Amino acid sequence: MIISNVIVYKKKIPIIHNISLSLPANTISIIIGKSGSGKTTLIRALAGLEPEMAGNITYEKNYRIGLVFQHLNLFPHMTALEQCAHPLYTIYGMSKDIAYQHALNMLQSVGMQTYTDKYPHQLSGGQQQRIAIARTLIIKPDLLLLDEPTSGLDPETRDNITILLKKIVQEYPMRMLIASHDMSFVESIYDQLYILDQGSIKQSYKRCTYDQNNKLLLD
């Protein structure tokens, strides 16, 4: 996957300026920045939701991108199980029986197997977040994008979501990019960190890692 010199325009005015990113597989990359810095716009651009853009975003054949919106966009009339099965039989043509079995397995993997018949209004914010993540994971994305996944969550629920996202990136062969301004969350989860300000990347960092002999590993 190549992301280089991406520019996003609003009414022909550039609001994202020549951004290039490296997103290694099985790595959690984070974009941080103040409100209005362009985090959500960049996430949307990588998901193909910004029509006015330039630059180079190159995907391999059949590359799948999953996006978990900040406001989740769960269907109010669907149960947790239906939320997850829906994209499989409506978009990918899977039979409903198989789609529902895949959905049940996915809900189990995110710890929501006992909430299959619950509607969004019957779930807490953290539970809704897990359903939204499960619904996105079920399409087996190569790139998982999350916009402010801990917004509005209490510290305990935020920590549970952190554990879940770490588990996901270890178990699934994917790249993960998260937009956030929650520094406690960011510091506990990032492998790579990009600081966005006024639509431009100002700084980037990689977390130091060590081998079993406590020797520093450098990329």
C-alpha atoms as a PDB file:
ATOM      1  CA  MET A   1       0.000   0.000   0.000  1.00  0.00           C
ATOM      2  CA  ILE A   2       1.374   3.415  -1.001  1.00  0.00           C
ATOM      3  CA  ILE A   3       0.158   6.703   0.493  1.00  0.00           C
ATOM      4  CA  SER A   4       2.152   9.641  -0.820  1.00  0.00           C
ATOM      5  CA  ASN A   5       1.624  13.371  -1.389  1.00  0.00           C
ATOM      6  CA  VAL A   6      -2.085  13.217  -0.549  1.00  0.00           C
ATOM      7  CA  ILE A   7      -3.918  16.525  -0.823  1.00  0.00           C
ATOM      8  CA  VAL A   8      -7.584  16.982   0.092  1.00  0.00           C
ATOM      9  CA  TYR A   9      -9.584  20.020  -0.989  1.00  0.00           C
ATOM     10  CA  LYS A  10     -12.761  21.621   0.336  1.00  0.00           C
ATOM     11  CA  LYS A  11     -14.292  23.950  -2.221  1.00  0.00           C
ATOM     12  CA  LYS A  12     -10.952  23.914  -4.080  1.00  0.00           C
ATOM     13  CA  ILE A  13      -9.037  25.013  -0.957  1.00  0.00           C
ATOM     14  CA  PRO A  14      -6.434  22.464   0.261  1.00  0.00           C
ATOM     15  CA  ILE A  15      -7.003  21.380   3.857  1.00  0.00           C
ATOM     16  CA  ILE A  16      -4.721  18.310   3.782  1.00  0.00           C
ATOM     17  CA  HIS A  17      -1.257  19.094   2.440  1.00  0.00           C
ATOM     18  CA  ASN A  18       1.073  16.554   0.765  1.00  0.00           C
ATOM     19  CA  ILE A  19       0.769  13.805   3.353  1.00  0.00           C
ATOM     20  CA  SER A  20       2.742  10.582   2.974  1.00  0.00           C
ATOM     21  CA  LEU A  21       2.369   7.662   5.370  1.00  0.00           C
ATOM     22  CA  SER A  22       4.031   4.311   5.902  1.00  0.00           C
ATOM     23  CA  LEU A  23       1.640   1.750   7.427  1.00  0.00           C
ATOM     24  CA  PRO A  24       3.378  -1.582   8.091  1.00  0.00           C
ATOM     25  CA  ALA A  25       1.279  -4.715   8.501  1.00  0.00           C
ATOM     26  CA  ASN A  26       0.325  -5.793  12.040  1.00  0.00           C
ATOM     27  CA  THR A  27       1.147  -2.312  13.301  1.00  0.00           C
ATOM     28  CA  ILE A  28      -1.013   0.297  15.039  1.00  0.00           C
ATOM     29  CA  SER A  29      -0.383   3.731  13.585  1.00  0.00           C
ATOM     30  CA  ILE A  30      -1.962   6.775  15.209  1.00  0.00           C
ATOM     31  CA  ILE A  31      -2.705  10.271  13.911  1.00  0.00           C
ATOM     32  CA  ILE A  32      -3.037  12.848  16.662  1.00  0.00           C
ATOM     33  CA  GLY A  33      -3.831  16.529  16.501  1.00  0.00           C
ATOM     34  CA  LYS A  34      -6.121  19.219  17.800  1.00  0.00           C
ATOM     35  CA  SER A  35      -9.750  19.483  16.706  1.00  0.00           C
ATOM     36  CA  GLY A  36      -9.772  20.871  13.189  1.00  0.00           C
ATOM     37  CA  SER A  37      -6.275  19.651  12.363  1.00  0.00           C
ATOM     38  CA  GLY A  38      -7.614  17.346   9.629  1.00  0.00           C
ATOM     39  CA  LYS A  39      -7.562  13.917  11.302  1.00  0.00           C
ATOM     40  CA  THR A  40     -11.068  12.873  10.282  1.00  0.00           C
ATOM     41  CA  THR A  41     -10.665  14.301   6.784  1.00  0.00           C
ATOM     42  CA  LEU A  42      -7.493  12.262   6.257  1.00  0.00           C
ATOM     43  CA  ILE A  43      -9.165   9.086   7.529  1.00  0.00           C
ATOM     44  CA  ARG A  44     -12.102   9.687   5.195  1.00  0.00           C
ATOM     45  CA  ALA A  45      -9.752  10.341   2.280  1.00  0.00           C
ATOM     46  CA  LEU A  46      -7.975   7.014   2.818  1.00  0.00           C
ATOM     47  CA  ALA A  47     -11.386   5.331   2.884  1.00  0.00           C
ATOM     48  CA  GLY A  48     -12.234   6.907  -0.471  1.00  0.00           C
ATOM     49  CA  LEU A  49     -14.900   9.226   0.941  1.00  0.00           C
ATOM     50  CA  GLU A  50     -13.364  12.563  -0.041  1.00  0.00           C
ATOM     51  CA  PRO A  51     -14.125  13.359  -3.705  1.00  0.00           C
ATOM     52  CA  GLU A  52     -11.796  16.352  -4.005  1.00  0.00           C
ATOM     53  CA  MET A  53      -8.327  14.960  -3.582  1.00  0.00           C
ATOM     54  CA  ALA A  54      -5.000  14.455  -5.322  1.00  0.00           C
ATOM     55  CA  GLY A  55      -1.857  12.439  -4.689  1.00  0.00           C
ATOM     56  CA  ASN A  56      -1.078   8.753  -4.790  1.00  0.00           C
ATOM     57  CA  ILE A  57      -3.026   6.137  -2.841  1.00  0.00           C
ATOM     58  CA  THR A  58      -2.248   2.751  -4.362  1.00  0.00           C
ATOM     59  CA  TYR A  59      -3.797  -0.495  -3.190  1.00  0.00           C
ATOM     60  CA  GLU A  60      -3.131  -4.065  -4.198  1.00  0.00           C
ATOM     61  CA  LYS A  61      -5.813  -5.882  -6.168  1.00  0.00           C
ATOM     62  CA  ASN A  62      -8.941  -6.696  -4.120  1.00  0.00           C
ATOM     63  CA  TYR A  63      -7.668  -4.546  -1.249  1.00  0.00           C
ATOM     64  CA  ARG A  64     -10.370  -4.039   1.374  1.00  0.00           C
ATOM     65  CA  ILE A  65     -10.672  -1.016   3.638  1.00  0.00           C
ATOM     66  CA  GLY A  66     -12.785  -0.976   6.789  1.00  0.00           C
ATOM     67  CA  LEU A  67     -13.802   2.241   8.543  1.00  0.00           C
ATOM     68  CA  VAL A  68     -15.244   2.589  12.040  1.00  0.00           C
ATOM     69  CA  PHE A  69     -16.799   6.040  12.215  1.00  0.00           C
ATOM     70  CA  GLN A  70     -16.628   8.163  15.350  1.00  0.00           C
ATOM     71  CA  HIS A  71     -20.418   8.067  15.629  1.00  0.00           C
ATOM     72  CA  LEU A  72     -20.435   4.335  14.734  1.00  0.00           C
ATOM     73  CA  ASN A  73     -23.465   4.547  12.379  1.00  0.00           C
ATOM     74  CA  LEU A  74     -25.068   1.377  13.707  1.00  0.00           C
ATOM     75  CA  PHE A  75     -28.484   0.604  12.261  1.00  0.00           C
ATOM     76  CA  PRO A  76     -31.044   1.284  15.035  1.00  0.00           C
ATOM     77  CA  HIS A  77     -33.448  -1.382  13.735  1.00  0.00           C
ATOM     78  CA  MET A  78     -30.875  -4.212  13.639  1.00  0.00           C
ATOM     79  CA  THR A  79     -29.643  -6.496  16.395  1.00  0.00           C
ATOM     80  CA  ALA A  80     -25.923  -6.957  17.001  1.00  0.00           C
ATOM     81  CA  LEU A  81     -25.992 -10.184  14.998  1.00  0.00           C
ATOM     82  CA  GLU A  82     -27.831  -8.552  12.102  1.00  0.00           C
ATOM     83  CA  GLN A  83     -25.407  -5.603  12.072  1.00  0.00           C
ATOM     84  CA  CYS A  84     -22.486  -7.975  11.452  1.00  0.00           C
ATOM     85  CA  ALA A  85     -24.189 -10.315   8.991  1.00  0.00           C
ATOM     86  CA  HIS A  86     -25.669  -7.510   6.867  1.00  0.00           C
ATOM     87  CA  PRO A  87     -22.581  -6.560   4.794  1.00  0.00           C
ATOM     88  CA  LEU A  88     -21.815 -10.199   4.026  1.00  0.00           C
ATOM     89  CA  TYR A  89     -25.089 -10.993   2.313  1.00  0.00           C
ATOM     90  CA  THR A  90     -25.902  -7.539   0.882  1.00  0.00           C
ATOM     91  CA  ILE A  91     -22.466  -6.549  -0.443  1.00  0.00           C
ATOM     92  CA  TYR A  92     -20.568  -9.819  -0.855  1.00  0.00           C
ATOM     93  CA  GLY A  93     -23.445 -12.078  -1.850  1.00  0.00           C
ATOM     94  CA  MET A  94     -23.018 -14.639   0.909  1.00  0.00           C
ATOM     95  CA  SER A  95     -26.019 -16.739   1.841  1.00  0.00           C
ATOM     96  CA  LYS A  96     -27.791 -15.545   4.979  1.00  0.00           C
ATOM     97  CA  ASP A  97     -27.212 -18.794   6.855  1.00  0.00           C
ATOM     98  CA  ILE A  98     -23.448 -18.644   6.340  1.00  0.00           C
ATOM     99  CA  ALA A  99     -23.375 -14.879   6.936  1.00  0.00           C
ATOM    100  CA  TYR A 100     -25.081 -15.275  10.313  1.00  0.00           C
ATOM    101  CA  GLN A 101     -22.657 -18.023  11.337  1.00  0.00           C
ATOM    102  CA  HIS A 102     -19.695 -15.788  10.436  1.00  0.00           C
ATOM    103  CA  ALA A 103     -21.340 -12.946  12.352  1.00  0.00           C
ATOM    104  CA  LEU A 104     -21.770 -15.113  15.440  1.00  0.00           C
ATOM    105  CA  ASN A 105     -18.108 -16.135  15.296  1.00  0.00           C
ATOM    106  CA  MET A 106     -17.015 -12.528  14.921  1.00  0.00           C
ATOM    107  CA  LEU A 107     -19.127 -11.355  17.867  1.00  0.00           C
ATOM    108  CA  GLN A 108     -17.552 -14.094  19.954  1.00  0.00           C
ATOM    109  CA  SER A 109     -14.073 -12.892  18.967  1.00  0.00           C
ATOM    110  CA  VAL A 110     -14.819  -9.391  20.308  1.00  0.00           C
ATOM    111  CA  GLY A 111     -16.514 -10.659  23.472  1.00  0.00           C
ATOM    112  CA  MET A 112     -20.085  -9.851  22.432  1.00  0.00           C
ATOM    113  CA  GLN A 113     -21.540 -13.334  21.916  1.00  0.00           C
ATOM    114  CA  THR A 114     -24.091 -12.863  24.715  1.00  0.00           C
ATOM    115  CA  TYR A 115     -25.485  -9.693  23.111  1.00  0.00           C
ATOM    116  CA  THR A 116     -26.452 -11.070  19.701  1.00  0.00           C
ATOM    117  CA  ASP A 117     -30.145 -10.138  20.029  1.00  0.00           C
ATOM    118  CA  LYS A 118     -29.576  -6.661  21.476  1.00  0.00           C
ATOM    119  CA  TYR A 119     -30.335  -3.451  19.603  1.00  0.00           C
ATOM    120  CA  PRO A 120     -27.986  -0.425  19.773  1.00  0.00           C
ATOM    121  CA  HIS A 121     -30.154   1.441  22.282  1.00  0.00           C
ATOM    122  CA  GLN A 122     -29.852  -1.541  24.643  1.00  0.00           C
ATOM    123  CA  LEU A 123     -26.032  -1.438  24.629  1.00  0.00           C
ATOM    124  CA  SER A 124     -23.484   0.737  26.403  1.00  0.00           C
ATOM    125  CA  GLY A 125     -21.080   2.938  24.472  1.00  0.00           C
ATOM    126  CA  GLY A 126     -18.284   0.406  24.779  1.00  0.00           C
ATOM    127  CA  GLN A 127     -20.541  -2.438  23.662  1.00  0.00           C
ATOM    128  CA  GLN A 128     -21.697  -0.422  20.666  1.00  0.00           C
ATOM    129  CA  GLN A 129     -18.050   0.243  19.800  1.00  0.00           C
ATOM    130  CA  ARG A 130     -17.307  -3.488  19.855  1.00  0.00           C
ATOM    131  CA  ILE A 131     -20.261  -4.175  17.564  1.00  0.00           C
ATOM    132  CA  ALA A 132     -19.075  -1.497  15.122  1.00  0.00           C
ATOM    133  CA  ILE A 133     -15.572  -2.977  15.142  1.00  0.00           C
ATOM    134  CA  ALA A 134     -16.939  -6.503  14.630  1.00  0.00           C
ATOM    135  CA  ARG A 135     -19.106  -5.330  11.719  1.00  0.00           C
ATOM    136  CA  THR A 136     -16.025  -3.838  10.064  1.00  0.00           C
ATOM    137  CA  LEU A 137     -13.712  -6.771  10.805  1.00  0.00           C
ATOM    138  CA  ILE A 138     -16.114  -9.262   9.271  1.00  0.00           C
ATOM    139  CA  ILE A 139     -15.204  -8.110   5.763  1.00  0.00           C
ATOM    140  CA  LYS A 140     -11.549  -8.993   6.535  1.00  0.00           C
ATOM    141  CA  PRO A 141     -10.113  -5.544   5.784  1.00  0.00           C
ATOM    142  CA  ASP A 142      -6.491  -5.127   4.759  1.00  0.00           C
ATOM    143  CA  LEU A 143      -6.601  -1.643   6.278  1.00  0.00           C
ATOM    144  CA  LEU A 144      -8.705  -0.861   9.349  1.00  0.00           C
ATOM    145  CA  LEU A 145      -9.384   2.846   9.918  1.00  0.00           C
ATOM    146  CA  LEU A 146     -10.853   4.087  13.211  1.00  0.00           C
ATOM    147  CA  ASP A 147     -11.925   7.661  13.927  1.00  0.00           C
ATOM    148  CA  GLU A 148     -11.788   8.550  17.642  1.00  0.00           C
ATOM    149  CA  PRO A 149     -12.612   5.016  18.867  1.00  0.00           C
ATOM    150  CA  THR A 150     -12.496   6.024  22.558  1.00  0.00           C
ATOM    151  CA  SER A 151     -14.579   9.194  22.258  1.00  0.00           C
ATOM    152  CA  GLY A 152     -17.072   9.443  25.109  1.00  0.00           C
ATOM    153  CA  LEU A 153     -15.902   6.250  26.832  1.00  0.00           C
ATOM    154  CA  ASP A 154     -15.065   6.016  30.527  1.00  0.00           C
ATOM    155  CA  PRO A 155     -11.465   5.012  31.460  1.00  0.00           C
ATOM    156  CA  GLU A 156     -12.284   1.355  32.135  1.00  0.00           C
ATOM    157  CA  THR A 157     -14.143   0.940  28.852  1.00  0.00           C
ATOM    158  CA  ARG A 158     -11.363   2.780  27.012  1.00  0.00           C
ATOM    159  CA  ASP A 159      -8.839   0.325  28.451  1.00  0.00           C
ATOM    160  CA  ASN A 160     -10.977  -2.606  27.301  1.00  0.00           C
ATOM    161  CA  ILE A 161     -11.134  -1.186  23.767  1.00  0.00           C
ATOM    162  CA  THR A 162      -7.351  -0.745  23.853  1.00  0.00           C
ATOM    163  CA  ILE A 163      -6.903  -4.413  24.739  1.00  0.00           C
ATOM    164  CA  LEU A 164      -9.307  -5.423  21.966  1.00  0.00           C
ATOM    165  CA  LEU A 165      -7.509  -3.376  19.287  1.00  0.00           C
ATOM    166  CA  LYS A 166      -4.130  -4.803  20.303  1.00  0.00           C
ATOM    167  CA  LYS A 167      -5.611  -8.297  20.066  1.00  0.00           C
ATOM    168  CA  ILE A 168      -7.035  -7.576  16.624  1.00  0.00           C
ATOM    169  CA  VAL A 169      -3.778  -6.339  15.128  1.00  0.00           C
ATOM    170  CA  GLN A 170      -1.963  -9.401  16.483  1.00  0.00           C
ATOM    171  CA  GLU A 171      -4.505 -11.897  15.177  1.00  0.00           C
ATOM    172  CA  TYR A 172      -5.429 -10.434  11.791  1.00  0.00           C
ATOM    173  CA  PRO A 173      -3.006  -9.692   8.902  1.00  0.00           C
ATOM    174  CA  MET A 174      -3.869  -6.029   8.509  1.00  0.00           C
ATOM    175  CA  ARG A 175      -2.757  -2.456   8.874  1.00  0.00           C
ATOM    176  CA  MET A 176      -4.485  -0.245  11.444  1.00  0.00           C
ATOM    177  CA  LEU A 177      -4.661   3.554  11.419  1.00  0.00           C
ATOM    178  CA  ILE A 178      -6.431   5.431  14.214  1.00  0.00           C
ATOM    179  CA  ALA A 179      -7.270   9.124  14.528  1.00  0.00           C
ATOM    180  CA  SER A 180      -7.414  10.240  18.156  1.00  0.00           C
ATOM    181  CA  HIS A 181      -6.797  13.107  20.540  1.00  0.00           C
ATOM    182  CA  ASP A 182      -7.071  10.879  23.649  1.00  0.00           C
ATOM    183  CA  MET A 183      -3.437  10.907  24.792  1.00  0.00           C
ATOM    184  CA  SER A 184      -3.853   8.267  27.505  1.00  0.00           C
ATOM    185  CA  PHE A 185      -5.208   5.902  24.866  1.00  0.00           C
ATOM    186  CA  VAL A 186      -2.580   6.899  22.304  1.00  0.00           C
ATOM    187  CA  GLU A 187       0.362   6.386  24.654  1.00  0.00           C
ATOM    188  CA  SER A 188      -0.861   2.918  25.609  1.00  0.00           C
ATOM    189  CA  ILE A 189      -1.341   1.596  22.079  1.00  0.00           C
ATOM    190  CA  TYR A 190       0.739   3.247  19.351  1.00  0.00           C
ATOM    191  CA  ASP A 191       3.517   1.603  17.355  1.00  0.00           C
ATOM    192  CA  GLN A 192       3.820   4.609  15.052  1.00  0.00           C
ATOM    193  CA  LEU A 193       2.688   8.141  15.817  1.00  0.00           C
ATOM    194  CA  TYR A 194       2.012  10.985  13.385  1.00  0.00           C
ATOM    195  CA  ILE A 195       1.343  14.516  14.644  1.00  0.00           C
ATOM    196  CA  LEU A 196      -1.010  16.432  12.380  1.00  0.00           C
ATOM    197  CA  ASP A 197      -1.340  20.214  12.519  1.00  0.00           C
ATOM    198  CA  GLN A 198      -3.280  22.400  10.079  1.00  0.00           C
ATOM    199  CA  GLY A 199      -3.437  19.576   7.572  1.00  0.00           C
ATOM    200  CA  SER A 200       0.268  18.694   7.578  1.00  0.00           C
ATOM    201  CA  ILE A 201       2.368  16.047   9.317  1.00  0.00           C
ATOM    202  CA  LYS A 202       4.699  17.958  11.631  1.00  0.00           C
ATOM    203  CA  GLN A 203       6.427  15.061  13.410  1.00  0.00           C
ATOM    204  CA  SER A 204       6.423  11.268  13.489  1.00  0.00           C
ATOM    205  CA  TYR A 205       7.672   8.738  16.018  1.00  0.00           C
ATOM    206  CA  LYS A 206       8.147   4.989  16.338  1.00  0.00           C
ATOM    207  CA  ARG A 207       7.939   3.215  19.656  1.00  0.00           C
ATOM    208  CA  CYS A 208      11.204   1.655  20.776  1.00  0.00           C
ATOM    209  CA  THR A 209      11.049  -2.130  21.022  1.00  0.00           C
ATOM    210  CA  TYR A 210      13.372  -4.622  22.684  1.00  0.00           C
ATOM    211  CA  ASP A 211      14.218  -8.267  22.068  1.00  0.00           C
ATOM    212  CA  GLN A 212      14.182 -11.025  24.696  1.00  0.00           C
ATOM    213  CA  ASN A 213      17.700 -10.014  25.796  1.00  0.00           C
ATOM    214  CA  ASN A 214      16.519  -6.415  26.354  1.00  0.00           C
ATOM    215  CA  LYS A 215      18.470  -5.228  23.303  1.00  0.00           C
ATOM    216  CA  LEU A 216      17.025  -2.196  21.513  1.00  0.00           C
ATOM    217  CA  LEU A 217      15.549  -3.026  18.114  1.00  0.00           C
ATOM    218  CA  LEU A 218      15.611  -0.265  15.527  1.00  0.00           C
ATOM    219  CA  ASP A 219      13.768  -0.262  12.211  1.00  0.00           C
END
